[in-house]
């Protein structure tokens, strides 16, 4: 997601600096060494053949499968960009304070339907977020489970600058399983980020029905998520003679 939403699926987010320094990414994205290790092993077997962009899309799929989620067919043949765009990362990646209108537009601009958007948001069934990205929700929003908020406040004090980088699980129920618990959490007002909870109001909001469906029907979520991930993996890839196949994912050849 953090790669494909910026310039397309071209592994630009793996280039050192630049996009990695954008607000949605800095001190947040991690695991670059995992991709580097995969790339190094592939280079010993088939030199300059498998792109970093393809590695990212396959690793995303395999990570979901490893945690109990669905699988899907990943088209291959992407090439790697020779540049990255920090400004585009800041403008194209939706921030955690977006409301439903802004989220719908952000995903719509990339060709995703509202159902795609709600399904892809379900990726927050795993991962963590920094206190600075959910502090305002804890202390200033009313559509939040009081016990849930209280449990998080000790690790995320109210004063700005205090514990900004402290982490909390995006899915309080099953943080290490790829399942549909994220949607049940939303129905219980336990969405960690503002941009999570806006997907469910409980009063007939624009995406309430989709959240209800995914919460009660794991197969529906799995199918929609897999479909949306294929669509995301096809966002403006470099192919043919475009770009290059990087020897190291963190720098151009």
C-alpha atoms as a PDB file:
ATOM      1  CA  UNK A   1       0.000   0.000   0.000  1.00  0.00           C
ATOM      2  CA  UNK A   2       2.712   2.490   1.016  1.00  0.00           C
ATOM      3  CA  UNK A   3       4.561   1.697  -2.205  1.00  0.00           C
ATOM      4  CA  UNK A   4       1.742   1.339  -4.717  1.00  0.00           C
ATOM      5  CA  UNK A   5      -0.176   4.481  -3.701  1.00  0.00           C
ATOM      6  CA  UNK A   6       2.873   6.593  -4.612  1.00  0.00           C
ATOM      7  CA  UNK A   7       3.968   6.430  -8.268  1.00  0.00           C
ATOM      8  CA  UNK A   8       2.495   2.940  -8.566  1.00  0.00           C
ATOM      9  CA  UNK A   9       4.000  -0.420  -7.574  1.00  0.00           C
ATOM     10  CA  UNK A  10       7.602   0.430  -8.404  1.00  0.00           C
ATOM     11  CA  UNK A  11       9.472  -0.207  -5.109  1.00  0.00           C
ATOM     12  CA  UNK A  12      10.172   3.512  -4.782  1.00  0.00           C
ATOM     13  CA  UNK A  13       9.428   3.263  -1.049  1.00  0.00           C
ATOM     14  CA  UNK A  14      12.447   0.964  -0.652  1.00  0.00           C
ATOM     15  CA  UNK A  15      14.938   3.589  -1.837  1.00  0.00           C
ATOM     16  CA  UNK A  16      16.819   4.994   1.158  1.00  0.00           C
ATOM     17  CA  UNK A  17      15.505   8.357   2.309  1.00  0.00           C
ATOM     18  CA  UNK A  18      12.958  10.280   0.230  1.00  0.00           C
ATOM     19  CA  UNK A  19       9.580   8.509   0.572  1.00  0.00           C
ATOM     20  CA  UNK A  20      10.785   6.817   3.733  1.00  0.00           C
ATOM     21  CA  UNK A  21      10.993  10.285   5.315  1.00  0.00           C
ATOM     22  CA  UNK A  22       7.382  11.195   4.492  1.00  0.00           C
ATOM     23  CA  UNK A  23       5.036  11.646   7.462  1.00  0.00           C
ATOM     24  CA  UNK A  24       3.030   8.430   6.850  1.00  0.00           C
ATOM     25  CA  UNK A  25       6.263   6.403   6.654  1.00  0.00           C
ATOM     26  CA  UNK A  26       8.946   7.884   8.912  1.00  0.00           C
ATOM     27  CA  UNK A  27       9.620   5.802  12.024  1.00  0.00           C
ATOM     28  CA  UNK A  28       6.654   3.664  10.976  1.00  0.00           C
ATOM     29  CA  UNK A  29       7.560   1.416   8.051  1.00  0.00           C
ATOM     30  CA  UNK A  30       9.938  -1.332   9.060  1.00  0.00           C
ATOM     31  CA  UNK A  31      11.173  -4.714   7.886  1.00  0.00           C
ATOM     32  CA  UNK A  32      13.332  -3.366   5.068  1.00  0.00           C
ATOM     33  CA  UNK A  33      16.019  -5.872   6.065  1.00  0.00           C
ATOM     34  CA  UNK A  34      13.605  -8.720   5.312  1.00  0.00           C
ATOM     35  CA  UNK A  35      13.218  -7.506   1.738  1.00  0.00           C
ATOM     36  CA  UNK A  36      16.981  -6.973   1.476  1.00  0.00           C
ATOM     37  CA  UNK A  37      17.619 -10.561   2.571  1.00  0.00           C
ATOM     38  CA  UNK A  38      15.128 -11.930   0.036  1.00  0.00           C
ATOM     39  CA  UNK A  39      16.728  -9.832  -2.694  1.00  0.00           C
ATOM     40  CA  UNK A  40      20.247 -10.972  -1.799  1.00  0.00           C
ATOM     41  CA  UNK A  41      19.257 -14.646  -1.975  1.00  0.00           C
ATOM     42  CA  UNK A  42      17.458 -14.176  -5.285  1.00  0.00           C
ATOM     43  CA  UNK A  43      20.495 -12.429  -6.784  1.00  0.00           C
ATOM     44  CA  UNK A  44      22.627 -15.497  -6.057  1.00  0.00           C
ATOM     45  CA  UNK A  45      20.163 -17.715  -7.943  1.00  0.00           C
ATOM     46  CA  UNK A  46      18.979 -15.550 -10.837  1.00  0.00           C
ATOM     47  CA  UNK A  47      20.935 -12.355 -11.200  1.00  0.00           C
ATOM     48  CA  UNK A  48      19.005  -9.153 -11.933  1.00  0.00           C
ATOM     49  CA  UNK A  49      15.815 -11.006 -12.812  1.00  0.00           C
ATOM     50  CA  UNK A  50      13.322 -10.494  -9.968  1.00  0.00           C
ATOM     51  CA  UNK A  51      12.519  -6.861  -9.211  1.00  0.00           C
ATOM     52  CA  UNK A  52      12.175  -5.366  -5.749  1.00  0.00           C
ATOM     53  CA  UNK A  53       8.653  -4.316  -6.748  1.00  0.00           C
ATOM     54  CA  UNK A  54       7.714  -7.949  -7.404  1.00  0.00           C
ATOM     55  CA  UNK A  55       9.329  -9.028  -4.132  1.00  0.00           C
ATOM     56  CA  UNK A  56       7.157  -6.525  -2.248  1.00  0.00           C
ATOM     57  CA  UNK A  57       3.918  -7.706  -3.818  1.00  0.00           C
ATOM     58  CA  UNK A  58       4.696 -11.393  -3.264  1.00  0.00           C
ATOM     59  CA  UNK A  59       5.893 -10.750   0.307  1.00  0.00           C
ATOM     60  CA  UNK A  60       2.655  -8.901   1.056  1.00  0.00           C
ATOM     61  CA  UNK A  61       0.621 -11.879  -0.149  1.00  0.00           C
ATOM     62  CA  UNK A  62       2.758 -14.461   1.633  1.00  0.00           C
ATOM     63  CA  UNK A  63       2.697 -12.483   4.893  1.00  0.00           C
ATOM     64  CA  UNK A  64      -1.099 -12.469   4.843  1.00  0.00           C
ATOM     65  CA  UNK A  65      -1.186 -16.209   4.154  1.00  0.00           C
ATOM     66  CA  UNK A  66       1.331 -16.923   6.926  1.00  0.00           C
ATOM     67  CA  UNK A  67      -0.935 -15.168   9.427  1.00  0.00           C
ATOM     68  CA  UNK A  68      -4.012 -17.127   8.399  1.00  0.00           C
ATOM     69  CA  UNK A  69      -5.422 -14.843   5.719  1.00  0.00           C
ATOM     70  CA  UNK A  70      -6.429 -15.471   2.103  1.00  0.00           C
ATOM     71  CA  UNK A  71      -4.168 -16.084  -0.867  1.00  0.00           C
ATOM     72  CA  UNK A  72      -4.345 -14.662  -4.390  1.00  0.00           C
ATOM     73  CA  UNK A  73      -2.476 -14.864  -7.663  1.00  0.00           C
ATOM     74  CA  UNK A  74       0.205 -12.179  -7.982  1.00  0.00           C
ATOM     75  CA  UNK A  75       0.975 -11.076 -11.549  1.00  0.00           C
ATOM     76  CA  UNK A  76       4.735 -10.629 -11.982  1.00  0.00           C
ATOM     77  CA  UNK A  77       6.982  -8.634 -14.279  1.00  0.00           C
ATOM     78  CA  UNK A  78       7.165  -5.257 -12.516  1.00  0.00           C
ATOM     79  CA  UNK A  79      10.308  -3.183 -12.825  1.00  0.00           C
ATOM     80  CA  UNK A  80      11.864  -0.877 -10.235  1.00  0.00           C
ATOM     81  CA  UNK A  81      11.818   2.904 -10.339  1.00  0.00           C
ATOM     82  CA  UNK A  82      15.004   4.949 -10.355  1.00  0.00           C
ATOM     83  CA  UNK A  83      13.508   7.692  -8.214  1.00  0.00           C
ATOM     84  CA  UNK A  84      11.233   8.260  -5.218  1.00  0.00           C
ATOM     85  CA  UNK A  85       8.927  11.151  -4.365  1.00  0.00           C
ATOM     86  CA  UNK A  86       8.599  12.287  -0.748  1.00  0.00           C
ATOM     87  CA  UNK A  87       6.103  15.032  -1.627  1.00  0.00           C
ATOM     88  CA  UNK A  88       3.854  12.535  -3.419  1.00  0.00           C
ATOM     89  CA  UNK A  89       4.015  10.191  -0.440  1.00  0.00           C
ATOM     90  CA  UNK A  90       2.835  13.000   1.817  1.00  0.00           C
ATOM     91  CA  UNK A  91      -0.014  13.930  -0.506  1.00  0.00           C
ATOM     92  CA  UNK A  92      -1.162  10.517  -1.771  1.00  0.00           C
ATOM     93  CA  UNK A  93      -1.072   8.381   1.385  1.00  0.00           C
ATOM     94  CA  UNK A  94      -4.211   9.125   3.433  1.00  0.00           C
ATOM     95  CA  UNK A  95      -3.327  10.307   6.966  1.00  0.00           C
ATOM     96  CA  UNK A  96      -4.900   8.811  10.122  1.00  0.00           C
ATOM     97  CA  UNK A  97      -7.135  11.845  10.692  1.00  0.00           C
ATOM     98  CA  UNK A  98      -9.013  11.585   7.372  1.00  0.00           C
ATOM     99  CA  UNK A  99     -12.806  11.399   7.490  1.00  0.00           C
ATOM    100  CA  UNK A 100     -14.907   9.125   5.297  1.00  0.00           C
ATOM    101  CA  UNK A 101     -15.321  11.684   2.510  1.00  0.00           C
ATOM    102  CA  UNK A 102     -11.576  12.238   2.242  1.00  0.00           C
ATOM    103  CA  UNK A 103     -10.814   8.531   2.433  1.00  0.00           C
ATOM    104  CA  UNK A 104     -13.330   7.742  -0.289  1.00  0.00           C
ATOM    105  CA  UNK A 105     -11.811  10.387  -2.539  1.00  0.00           C
ATOM    106  CA  UNK A 106      -8.243   9.271  -1.821  1.00  0.00           C
ATOM    107  CA  UNK A 107      -8.987   5.662  -2.719  1.00  0.00           C
ATOM    108  CA  UNK A 108     -11.309   6.656  -5.551  1.00  0.00           C
ATOM    109  CA  UNK A 109      -8.517   8.675  -7.140  1.00  0.00           C
ATOM    110  CA  UNK A 110      -6.559   5.423  -7.410  1.00  0.00           C
ATOM    111  CA  UNK A 111      -9.487   3.564  -8.978  1.00  0.00           C
ATOM    112  CA  UNK A 112     -10.807   1.775  -5.902  1.00  0.00           C
ATOM    113  CA  UNK A 113     -14.468   1.338  -5.018  1.00  0.00           C
ATOM    114  CA  UNK A 114     -15.783   2.016  -1.521  1.00  0.00           C
ATOM    115  CA  UNK A 115     -15.928  -1.749  -0.924  1.00  0.00           C
ATOM    116  CA  UNK A 116     -12.280  -2.026  -1.991  1.00  0.00           C
ATOM    117  CA  UNK A 117     -11.403   0.733   0.470  1.00  0.00           C
ATOM    118  CA  UNK A 118     -13.175  -0.924   3.399  1.00  0.00           C
ATOM    119  CA  UNK A 119     -11.607  -4.284   2.521  1.00  0.00           C
ATOM    120  CA  UNK A 120      -8.081  -2.869   2.266  1.00  0.00           C
ATOM    121  CA  UNK A 121      -8.565  -1.081   5.583  1.00  0.00           C
ATOM    122  CA  UNK A 122      -8.969  -4.558   7.026  1.00  0.00           C
ATOM    123  CA  UNK A 123      -5.191  -4.911   6.687  1.00  0.00           C
ATOM    124  CA  UNK A 124      -5.238  -3.132  10.046  1.00  0.00           C
ATOM    125  CA  UNK A 125      -6.104  -6.495  11.547  1.00  0.00           C
ATOM    126  CA  UNK A 126      -2.316  -6.653  11.971  1.00  0.00           C
ATOM    127  CA  UNK A 127       0.315  -4.005  12.663  1.00  0.00           C
ATOM    128  CA  UNK A 128       0.712  -1.145  15.095  1.00  0.00           C
ATOM    129  CA  UNK A 129       0.314   2.622  15.184  1.00  0.00           C
ATOM    130  CA  UNK A 130       2.193   5.366  17.006  1.00  0.00           C
ATOM    131  CA  UNK A 131       0.608   7.272  19.886  1.00  0.00           C
ATOM    132  CA  UNK A 132       0.900  10.570  18.006  1.00  0.00           C
ATOM    133  CA  UNK A 133      -1.457   9.164  15.377  1.00  0.00           C
ATOM    134  CA  UNK A 134      -4.254   8.173  17.753  1.00  0.00           C
ATOM    135  CA  UNK A 135      -3.795  10.531  20.750  1.00  0.00           C
ATOM    136  CA  UNK A 136      -6.507  12.941  19.610  1.00  0.00           C
ATOM    137  CA  UNK A 137      -8.944  10.055  19.253  1.00  0.00           C
ATOM    138  CA  UNK A 138      -8.278   8.878  22.812  1.00  0.00           C
ATOM    139  CA  UNK A 139      -8.804  12.225  24.462  1.00  0.00           C
ATOM    140  CA  UNK A 140     -11.150  14.187  22.205  1.00  0.00           C
ATOM    141  CA  UNK A 141     -13.491  11.789  20.410  1.00  0.00           C
ATOM    142  CA  UNK A 142     -16.726  10.406  21.814  1.00  0.00           C
ATOM    143  CA  UNK A 143     -17.274   7.444  19.469  1.00  0.00           C
ATOM    144  CA  UNK A 144     -14.720   5.332  21.319  1.00  0.00           C
ATOM    145  CA  UNK A 145     -15.218   2.522  23.816  1.00  0.00           C
ATOM    146  CA  UNK A 146     -14.370   3.997  27.221  1.00  0.00           C
ATOM    147  CA  UNK A 147     -12.577   0.898  28.492  1.00  0.00           C
ATOM    148  CA  UNK A 148     -10.602   0.663  25.275  1.00  0.00           C
ATOM    149  CA  UNK A 149      -9.548   4.311  25.565  1.00  0.00           C
ATOM    150  CA  UNK A 150      -8.578   3.941  29.215  1.00  0.00           C
ATOM    151  CA  UNK A 151      -6.422   0.902  28.464  1.00  0.00           C
ATOM    152  CA  UNK A 152      -4.399   2.928  25.965  1.00  0.00           C
ATOM    153  CA  UNK A 153      -3.966   6.206  27.830  1.00  0.00           C
ATOM    154  CA  UNK A 154      -1.202   4.981  30.145  1.00  0.00           C
ATOM    155  CA  UNK A 155       1.024   4.310  27.121  1.00  0.00           C
ATOM    156  CA  UNK A 156      -0.141   7.411  25.265  1.00  0.00           C
ATOM    157  CA  UNK A 157      -0.242  10.419  27.625  1.00  0.00           C
ATOM    158  CA  UNK A 158      -2.235  13.469  26.610  1.00  0.00           C
ATOM    159  CA  UNK A 159       0.579  16.055  26.357  1.00  0.00           C
ATOM    160  CA  UNK A 160       1.965  16.343  22.843  1.00  0.00           C
ATOM    161  CA  UNK A 161       5.529  15.105  22.721  1.00  0.00           C
ATOM    162  CA  UNK A 162       5.008  12.654  25.543  1.00  0.00           C
ATOM    163  CA  UNK A 163       5.214   9.082  24.276  1.00  0.00           C
ATOM    164  CA  UNK A 164       4.645  10.118  20.655  1.00  0.00           C
ATOM    165  CA  UNK A 165       6.398   7.020  19.295  1.00  0.00           C
ATOM    166  CA  UNK A 166       4.808   4.541  21.708  1.00  0.00           C
ATOM    167  CA  UNK A 167       2.986   1.777  19.854  1.00  0.00           C
ATOM    168  CA  UNK A 168      -0.413   0.143  20.157  1.00  0.00           C
ATOM    169  CA  UNK A 169      -1.909  -2.736  18.190  1.00  0.00           C
ATOM    170  CA  UNK A 170      -4.321  -1.710  15.461  1.00  0.00           C
ATOM    171  CA  UNK A 171      -6.401  -4.790  16.266  1.00  0.00           C
ATOM    172  CA  UNK A 172      -6.800  -5.186  20.012  1.00  0.00           C
ATOM    173  CA  UNK A 173      -8.544  -8.554  19.677  1.00  0.00           C
ATOM    174  CA  UNK A 174      -6.242 -10.728  17.547  1.00  0.00           C
ATOM    175  CA  UNK A 175      -3.185  -8.598  16.720  1.00  0.00           C
ATOM    176  CA  UNK A 176      -1.155 -11.461  15.231  1.00  0.00           C
ATOM    177  CA  UNK A 177      -3.832 -13.100  13.103  1.00  0.00           C
ATOM    178  CA  UNK A 178      -5.089 -11.987   9.725  1.00  0.00           C
ATOM    179  CA  UNK A 179      -8.837 -12.247  10.278  1.00  0.00           C
ATOM    180  CA  UNK A 180     -11.996 -10.142  10.255  1.00  0.00           C
ATOM    181  CA  UNK A 181     -11.810  -9.075  13.925  1.00  0.00           C
ATOM    182  CA  UNK A 182     -10.957  -5.536  12.778  1.00  0.00           C
ATOM    183  CA  UNK A 183     -14.571  -5.053  11.692  1.00  0.00           C
ATOM    184  CA  UNK A 184     -16.015  -6.405  14.929  1.00  0.00           C
ATOM    185  CA  UNK A 185     -13.745  -3.950  16.730  1.00  0.00           C
ATOM    186  CA  UNK A 186     -15.201  -1.088  14.709  1.00  0.00           C
ATOM    187  CA  UNK A 187     -18.716  -2.147  15.688  1.00  0.00           C
ATOM    188  CA  UNK A 188     -17.581  -2.024  19.331  1.00  0.00           C
ATOM    189  CA  UNK A 189     -16.034   1.455  18.835  1.00  0.00           C
ATOM    190  CA  UNK A 190     -12.553  -0.006  19.226  1.00  0.00           C
ATOM    191  CA  UNK A 191     -11.019   1.340  16.044  1.00  0.00           C
ATOM    192  CA  UNK A 192      -7.591   2.693  16.985  1.00  0.00           C
ATOM    193  CA  UNK A 193      -7.284   5.406  14.356  1.00  0.00           C
ATOM    194  CA  UNK A 194      -9.850   8.039  13.507  1.00  0.00           C
ATOM    195  CA  UNK A 195      -9.634   6.832   9.899  1.00  0.00           C
ATOM    196  CA  UNK A 196     -10.552   3.348  11.098  1.00  0.00           C
ATOM    197  CA  UNK A 197     -13.591   4.246  13.170  1.00  0.00           C
ATOM    198  CA  UNK A 198     -15.111   6.545  10.519  1.00  0.00           C
ATOM    199  CA  UNK A 199     -15.870   3.390   8.531  1.00  0.00           C
ATOM    200  CA  UNK A 200     -18.573   2.510  11.060  1.00  0.00           C
ATOM    201  CA  UNK A 201     -20.966   4.915  12.733  1.00  0.00           C
ATOM    202  CA  UNK A 202     -23.670   2.483  13.818  1.00  0.00           C
ATOM    203  CA  UNK A 203     -26.274   4.908  12.496  1.00  0.00           C
ATOM    204  CA  UNK A 204     -26.411   3.829   8.876  1.00  0.00           C
ATOM    205  CA  UNK A 205     -23.287   5.575   7.650  1.00  0.00           C
ATOM    206  CA  UNK A 206     -22.093   5.087   4.100  1.00  0.00           C
ATOM    207  CA  UNK A 207     -19.898   2.067   4.875  1.00  0.00           C
ATOM    208  CA  UNK A 208     -21.788   0.598   7.850  1.00  0.00           C
ATOM    209  CA  UNK A 209     -23.370  -2.175   5.783  1.00  0.00           C
ATOM    210  CA  UNK A 210     -20.018  -3.241   4.359  1.00  0.00           C
ATOM    211  CA  UNK A 211     -18.444  -3.349   7.819  1.00  0.00           C
ATOM    212  CA  UNK A 212     -21.404  -5.392   9.098  1.00  0.00           C
ATOM    213  CA  UNK A 213     -21.005  -7.823   6.206  1.00  0.00           C
ATOM    214  CA  UNK A 214     -17.267  -8.294   6.709  1.00  0.00           C
ATOM    215  CA  UNK A 215     -17.705  -8.649  10.484  1.00  0.00           C
ATOM    216  CA  UNK A 216     -20.230 -11.452  10.120  1.00  0.00           C
ATOM    217  CA  UNK A 217     -18.875 -13.117   6.982  1.00  0.00           C
ATOM    218  CA  UNK A 218     -15.129 -13.906   7.017  1.00  0.00           C
ATOM    219  CA  UNK A 219     -15.309 -15.373   3.518  1.00  0.00           C
ATOM    220  CA  UNK A 220     -16.767 -12.154   2.133  1.00  0.00           C
ATOM    221  CA  UNK A 221     -13.920 -10.164   3.661  1.00  0.00           C
ATOM    222  CA  UNK A 222     -11.265 -12.585   2.421  1.00  0.00           C
ATOM    223  CA  UNK A 223     -12.644 -12.500  -1.120  1.00  0.00           C
ATOM    224  CA  UNK A 224     -12.953  -8.707  -1.216  1.00  0.00           C
ATOM    225  CA  UNK A 225      -9.506  -8.215   0.293  1.00  0.00           C
ATOM    226  CA  UNK A 226      -7.824 -10.575  -2.164  1.00  0.00           C
ATOM    227  CA  UNK A 227      -9.548  -8.884  -5.096  1.00  0.00           C
ATOM    228  CA  UNK A 228      -8.559  -5.415  -3.892  1.00  0.00           C
ATOM    229  CA  UNK A 229      -4.947  -6.501  -3.346  1.00  0.00           C
ATOM    230  CA  UNK A 230      -4.708  -7.742  -6.937  1.00  0.00           C
ATOM    231  CA  UNK A 231      -6.087  -4.395  -8.083  1.00  0.00           C
ATOM    232  CA  UNK A 232      -3.597  -2.532  -5.895  1.00  0.00           C
ATOM    233  CA  UNK A 233      -0.699  -4.614  -7.183  1.00  0.00           C
ATOM    234  CA  UNK A 234      -1.638  -3.489 -10.700  1.00  0.00           C
ATOM    235  CA  UNK A 235      -1.388   0.235  -9.952  1.00  0.00           C
ATOM    236  CA  UNK A 236       0.818   1.794 -12.646  1.00  0.00           C
ATOM    237  CA  UNK A 237       3.607  -0.800 -12.666  1.00  0.00           C
ATOM    238  CA  UNK A 238       6.764  -0.195 -14.680  1.00  0.00           C
ATOM    239  CA  UNK A 239       7.135  -2.951 -17.268  1.00  0.00           C
ATOM    240  CA  UNK A 240       9.191  -3.882 -20.308  1.00  0.00           C
ATOM    241  CA  UNK A 241      12.175  -1.565 -20.668  1.00  0.00           C
ATOM    242  CA  UNK A 242      10.901   0.935 -18.110  1.00  0.00           C
ATOM    243  CA  UNK A 243      12.890   1.441 -14.932  1.00  0.00           C
ATOM    244  CA  UNK A 244      15.345  -1.279 -13.982  1.00  0.00           C
ATOM    245  CA  UNK A 245      15.754  -4.407 -11.886  1.00  0.00           C
ATOM    246  CA  UNK A 246      17.716  -3.111  -8.912  1.00  0.00           C
ATOM    247  CA  UNK A 247      20.615  -5.167  -7.604  1.00  0.00           C
ATOM    248  CA  UNK A 248      19.980  -3.674  -4.154  1.00  0.00           C
ATOM    249  CA  UNK A 249      16.482  -2.564  -3.194  1.00  0.00           C
ATOM    250  CA  UNK A 250      17.712   0.468  -1.239  1.00  0.00           C
ATOM    251  CA  UNK A 251      19.536   2.137  -4.118  1.00  0.00           C
ATOM    252  CA  UNK A 252      19.462   2.435  -7.891  1.00  0.00           C
ATOM    253  CA  UNK A 253      21.979   0.507  -9.996  1.00  0.00           C
END
